[in-house]
Amino acid sequence: MGSEENMAVIVVIGADRPGIVAGITGVIAKHNVNIVDISQTVVRGIFSMIMIVDLSTGDIDLPKLREELVAKGRELGVEVAVNHIAVFRAMQRV
């Protein structure tokens, strides 16, 4: 596993439907980005997933991955946010 400088957090949320996990993880796999940790749940028909990914194994940078995942999210009817893990660490200190 790479250092935190190469880690990103991906958050997906929307109405549950088949294919969300496959669609989002397909983009990640296409670029050889490693999923370090994943949690997903459905509560009253609302799907949510949080992933920590390691970009050091991949062939894509964070801005381009964000662009592709947001586009895939639109196609799937879900919201996708992709941020460097440091953003979440900084929010913990506030």
N, C-alpha and C. Protein backbone atom coordinates (compact mmCIF):
# COMPACT_ATOMS: atom_id res chain seq x y z
N MET A 1 0.86 -1.18 0.00
CA MET A 1 0.00 0.00 0.00
C MET A 1 0.89 1.23 0.00
N GLY A 2 0.51 2.24 -0.79
CA GLY A 2 1.27 3.47 -0.88
C GLY A 2 1.08 4.36 0.33
N SER A 3 1.78 5.48 0.35
CA SER A 3 1.66 6.42 1.46
C SER A 3 0.37 7.23 1.31
N GLU A 4 0.01 7.91 2.40
CA GLU A 4 -1.23 8.70 2.36
C GLU A 4 -1.19 9.79 1.31
N GLU A 5 0.00 10.20 0.87
CA GLU A 5 0.05 11.25 -0.15
C GLU A 5 -0.58 10.78 -1.46
N ASN A 6 -0.72 9.47 -1.63
CA ASN A 6 -1.33 8.91 -2.84
C ASN A 6 -2.74 8.41 -2.64
N MET A 7 -3.34 8.69 -1.47
CA MET A 7 -4.66 8.17 -1.14
C MET A 7 -5.76 9.19 -1.45
N ALA A 8 -6.90 8.65 -1.88
CA ALA A 8 -8.07 9.48 -2.13
C ALA A 8 -9.29 8.81 -1.50
N VAL A 9 -10.29 9.62 -1.20
CA VAL A 9 -11.55 9.14 -0.66
C VAL A 9 -12.62 9.35 -1.73
N ILE A 10 -13.37 8.30 -2.03
CA ILE A 10 -14.45 8.36 -3.00
C ILE A 10 -15.75 8.11 -2.25
N VAL A 11 -16.70 9.01 -2.40
CA VAL A 11 -18.00 8.88 -1.75
C VAL A 11 -19.07 8.85 -2.85
N VAL A 12 -19.94 7.85 -2.78
CA VAL A 12 -21.01 7.69 -3.76
C VAL A 12 -22.33 7.61 -3.00
N ILE A 13 -23.33 8.37 -3.45
CA ILE A 13 -24.63 8.33 -2.79
C ILE A 13 -25.73 8.56 -3.82
N GLY A 14 -26.84 7.85 -3.63
CA GLY A 14 -27.98 8.04 -4.53
C GLY A 14 -29.01 6.94 -4.31
N ALA A 15 -30.05 6.99 -5.11
CA ALA A 15 -31.09 5.96 -5.04
C ALA A 15 -30.48 4.61 -5.44
N ASP A 16 -30.80 3.58 -4.67
CA ASP A 16 -30.24 2.26 -4.95
C ASP A 16 -30.77 1.72 -6.26
N ARG A 17 -29.89 1.08 -7.00
CA ARG A 17 -30.25 0.41 -8.24
C ARG A 17 -29.12 -0.54 -8.61
N PRO A 18 -29.39 -1.55 -9.40
CA PRO A 18 -28.34 -2.47 -9.81
C PRO A 18 -27.27 -1.76 -10.65
N GLY A 19 -26.03 -2.17 -10.46
CA GLY A 19 -24.94 -1.69 -11.31
C GLY A 19 -24.11 -0.56 -10.76
N ILE A 20 -24.47 0.01 -9.62
CA ILE A 20 -23.69 1.15 -9.10
C ILE A 20 -22.28 0.72 -8.74
N VAL A 21 -22.15 -0.32 -7.94
CA VAL A 21 -20.82 -0.77 -7.52
C VAL A 21 -20.00 -1.17 -8.74
N ALA A 22 -20.59 -1.93 -9.64
CA ALA A 22 -19.87 -2.37 -10.84
C ALA A 22 -19.43 -1.18 -11.69
N GLY A 23 -20.28 -0.19 -11.85
CA GLY A 23 -19.94 0.97 -12.68
C GLY A 23 -18.80 1.78 -12.10
N ILE A 24 -18.88 2.06 -10.80
CA ILE A 24 -17.85 2.88 -10.16
C ILE A 24 -16.53 2.11 -10.06
N THR A 25 -16.58 0.87 -9.60
CA THR A 25 -15.34 0.11 -9.46
C THR A 25 -14.75 -0.25 -10.82
N GLY A 26 -15.57 -0.30 -11.86
CA GLY A 26 -15.05 -0.54 -13.20
C GLY A 26 -14.12 0.56 -13.66
N VAL A 27 -14.49 1.80 -13.35
CA VAL A 27 -13.62 2.94 -13.69
C VAL A 27 -12.31 2.84 -12.93
N ILE A 28 -12.41 2.51 -11.65
CA ILE A 28 -11.22 2.39 -10.81
C ILE A 28 -10.31 1.27 -11.33
N ALA A 29 -10.89 0.12 -11.62
CA ALA A 29 -10.10 -1.02 -12.11
C ALA A 29 -9.46 -0.74 -13.46
N LYS A 30 -10.19 -0.04 -14.33
CA LYS A 30 -9.67 0.28 -15.67
C LYS A 30 -8.33 1.01 -15.58
N HIS A 31 -8.16 1.80 -14.51
CA HIS A 31 -6.94 2.58 -14.35
C HIS A 31 -5.96 1.96 -13.36
N ASN A 32 -6.22 0.70 -12.96
CA ASN A 32 -5.32 -0.03 -12.05
C ASN A 32 -5.15 0.66 -10.71
N VAL A 33 -6.16 1.39 -10.27
CA VAL A 33 -6.15 2.03 -8.95
C VAL A 33 -6.61 0.98 -7.94
N ASN A 34 -5.89 0.88 -6.83
CA ASN A 34 -6.18 -0.14 -5.83
C ASN A 34 -7.19 0.37 -4.78
N ILE A 35 -8.23 -0.40 -4.54
CA ILE A 35 -9.17 -0.09 -3.46
C ILE A 35 -8.58 -0.66 -2.17
N VAL A 36 -8.26 0.23 -1.24
CA VAL A 36 -7.64 -0.14 0.02
C VAL A 36 -8.70 -0.52 1.05
N ASP A 37 -9.80 0.19 1.03
CA ASP A 37 -10.89 -0.07 1.98
C ASP A 37 -12.20 0.35 1.33
N ILE A 38 -13.27 -0.36 1.66
CA ILE A 38 -14.57 -0.06 1.06
C ILE A 38 -15.68 -0.40 2.05
N SER A 39 -16.68 0.45 2.06
CA SER A 39 -17.87 0.21 2.86
C SER A 39 -19.06 0.68 2.04
N GLN A 40 -20.09 -0.15 1.97
CA GLN A 40 -21.29 0.27 1.26
C GLN A 40 -22.51 -0.24 2.00
N THR A 41 -23.58 0.52 1.89
CA THR A 41 -24.82 0.15 2.56
C THR A 41 -26.00 0.73 1.80
N VAL A 42 -27.15 0.18 2.08
CA VAL A 42 -28.39 0.71 1.56
C VAL A 42 -29.31 0.93 2.76
N VAL A 43 -29.80 2.15 2.92
CA VAL A 43 -30.72 2.49 4.00
C VAL A 43 -31.97 3.08 3.38
N ARG A 44 -33.09 2.38 3.54
CA ARG A 44 -34.38 2.84 3.00
C ARG A 44 -34.29 3.25 1.54
N GLY A 45 -33.60 2.44 0.77
CA GLY A 45 -33.51 2.68 -0.67
C GLY A 45 -32.44 3.67 -1.10
N ILE A 46 -31.68 4.20 -0.14
CA ILE A 46 -30.58 5.12 -0.46
C ILE A 46 -29.27 4.36 -0.36
N PHE A 47 -28.55 4.32 -1.46
CA PHE A 47 -27.26 3.63 -1.54
C PHE A 47 -26.16 4.60 -1.13
N SER A 48 -25.20 4.12 -0.34
CA SER A 48 -24.02 4.92 -0.04
C SER A 48 -22.79 4.02 -0.03
N MET A 49 -21.70 4.55 -0.50
CA MET A 49 -20.44 3.81 -0.53
C MET A 49 -19.30 4.78 -0.29
N ILE A 50 -18.36 4.34 0.53
CA ILE A 50 -17.14 5.11 0.77
C ILE A 50 -15.97 4.19 0.49
N MET A 51 -15.03 4.68 -0.30
CA MET A 51 -13.83 3.91 -0.61
C MET A 51 -12.59 4.75 -0.35
N ILE A 52 -11.55 4.08 0.12
CA ILE A 52 -10.22 4.67 0.16
C ILE A 52 -9.44 3.98 -0.94
N VAL A 53 -8.84 4.75 -1.83
CA VAL A 53 -8.09 4.17 -2.94
C VAL A 53 -6.66 4.68 -2.94
N ASP A 54 -5.79 3.84 -3.48
CA ASP A 54 -4.37 4.16 -3.59
C ASP A 54 -4.06 4.45 -5.05
N LEU A 55 -3.78 5.70 -5.35
CA LEU A 55 -3.51 6.12 -6.73
C LEU A 55 -2.11 5.74 -7.21
N SER A 56 -1.23 5.36 -6.29
CA SER A 56 0.16 5.09 -6.69
C SER A 56 0.27 3.87 -7.61
N THR A 57 -0.71 2.99 -7.58
CA THR A 57 -0.68 1.81 -8.44
C THR A 57 -1.28 2.09 -9.82
N GLY A 58 -1.93 3.22 -9.96
CA GLY A 58 -2.70 3.50 -11.17
C GLY A 58 -1.97 4.30 -12.23
N ASP A 59 -2.71 4.51 -13.32
CA ASP A 59 -2.19 5.27 -14.46
C ASP A 59 -2.97 6.56 -14.67
N ILE A 60 -3.53 7.10 -13.57
CA ILE A 60 -4.39 8.28 -13.66
C ILE A 60 -4.14 9.17 -12.44
N ASP A 61 -4.25 10.48 -12.62
CA ASP A 61 -4.09 11.38 -11.48
C ASP A 61 -5.46 11.68 -10.86
N LEU A 62 -5.45 12.31 -9.70
CA LEU A 62 -6.67 12.57 -8.96
C LEU A 62 -7.69 13.42 -9.74
N PRO A 63 -7.30 14.53 -10.35
CA PRO A 63 -8.30 15.32 -11.09
C PRO A 63 -8.98 14.55 -12.22
N LYS A 64 -8.21 13.75 -12.96
CA LYS A 64 -8.78 12.99 -14.06
C LYS A 64 -9.67 11.86 -13.54
N LEU A 65 -9.26 11.20 -12.45
CA LEU A 65 -10.10 10.17 -11.85
C LEU A 65 -11.42 10.77 -11.38
N ARG A 66 -11.33 11.93 -10.74
CA ARG A 66 -12.55 12.63 -10.29
C ARG A 66 -13.47 12.89 -11.47
N GLU A 67 -12.92 13.41 -12.55
CA GLU A 67 -13.70 13.72 -13.75
C GLU A 67 -14.42 12.47 -14.28
N GLU A 68 -13.69 11.38 -14.39
CA GLU A 68 -14.28 10.15 -14.93
C GLU A 68 -15.34 9.57 -13.99
N LEU A 69 -15.08 9.60 -12.68
CA LEU A 69 -16.05 9.05 -11.73
C LEU A 69 -17.31 9.90 -11.62
N VAL A 70 -17.16 11.21 -11.68
CA VAL A 70 -18.34 12.08 -11.65
C VAL A 70 -19.19 11.84 -12.89
N ALA A 71 -18.55 11.69 -14.04
CA ALA A 71 -19.28 11.39 -15.28
C ALA A 71 -19.99 10.05 -15.18
N LYS A 72 -19.32 9.03 -14.65
CA LYS A 72 -19.93 7.72 -14.48
C LYS A 72 -21.09 7.81 -13.49
N GLY A 73 -20.93 8.61 -12.44
CA GLY A 73 -22.00 8.81 -11.48
C GLY A 73 -23.24 9.42 -12.12
N ARG A 74 -23.03 10.41 -12.98
CA ARG A 74 -24.17 11.00 -13.70
C ARG A 74 -24.88 9.95 -14.54
N GLU A 75 -24.10 9.12 -15.21
CA GLU A 75 -24.66 8.05 -16.03
C GLU A 75 -25.47 7.06 -15.18
N LEU A 76 -25.00 6.81 -13.96
CA LEU A 76 -25.67 5.85 -13.06
C LEU A 76 -26.76 6.49 -12.20
N GLY A 77 -26.85 7.82 -12.22
CA GLY A 77 -27.86 8.52 -11.42
C GLY A 77 -27.48 8.67 -9.96
N VAL A 78 -26.16 8.74 -9.66
CA VAL A 78 -25.70 8.93 -8.29
C VAL A 78 -24.72 10.10 -8.24
N GLU A 79 -24.53 10.63 -7.04
CA GLU A 79 -23.56 11.69 -6.82
C GLU A 79 -22.24 11.05 -6.41
N VAL A 80 -21.15 11.55 -6.97
CA VAL A 80 -19.83 11.03 -6.64
C VAL A 80 -18.93 12.21 -6.26
N ALA A 81 -18.24 12.06 -5.12
CA ALA A 81 -17.24 13.04 -4.69
C ALA A 81 -15.91 12.32 -4.54
N VAL A 82 -14.85 12.94 -5.04
CA VAL A 82 -13.52 12.36 -4.96
C VAL A 82 -12.58 13.43 -4.44
N ASN A 83 -11.95 13.15 -3.30
CA ASN A 83 -11.04 14.12 -2.69
C ASN A 83 -9.81 13.43 -2.14
N HIS A 84 -8.73 14.17 -2.08
CA HIS A 84 -7.51 13.66 -1.47
C HIS A 84 -7.79 13.38 0.00
N ILE A 85 -7.18 12.35 0.55
CA ILE A 85 -7.42 11.98 1.94
C ILE A 85 -7.03 13.10 2.91
N ALA A 86 -6.09 13.95 2.52
CA ALA A 86 -5.67 15.05 3.38
C ALA A 86 -6.82 16.01 3.68
N VAL A 87 -7.76 16.14 2.75
CA VAL A 87 -8.94 16.99 2.97
C VAL A 87 -9.71 16.49 4.19
N PHE A 88 -9.89 15.18 4.29
CA PHE A 88 -10.63 14.61 5.41
C PHE A 88 -9.83 14.68 6.70
N ARG A 89 -8.54 14.50 6.62
CA ARG A 89 -7.69 14.63 7.81
C ARG A 89 -7.76 16.06 8.35
N ALA A 90 -7.74 17.04 7.47
CA ALA A 90 -7.81 18.44 7.88
C ALA A 90 -9.15 18.75 8.54
N MET A 91 -10.23 18.17 8.03
CA MET A 91 -11.55 18.41 8.62
C MET A 91 -11.63 17.85 10.03
N GLN A 92 -10.90 16.79 10.34
CA GLN A 92 -10.89 16.22 11.67
C GLN A 92 -10.24 17.15 12.67
N ARG A 93 -9.33 17.98 12.22
CA ARG A 93 -8.61 18.88 13.12
C ARG A 93 -9.40 20.15 13.43
N VAL A 94 -10.40 20.44 12.62
CA VAL A 94 -11.18 21.68 12.80
C VAL A 94 -12.16 21.53 13.94
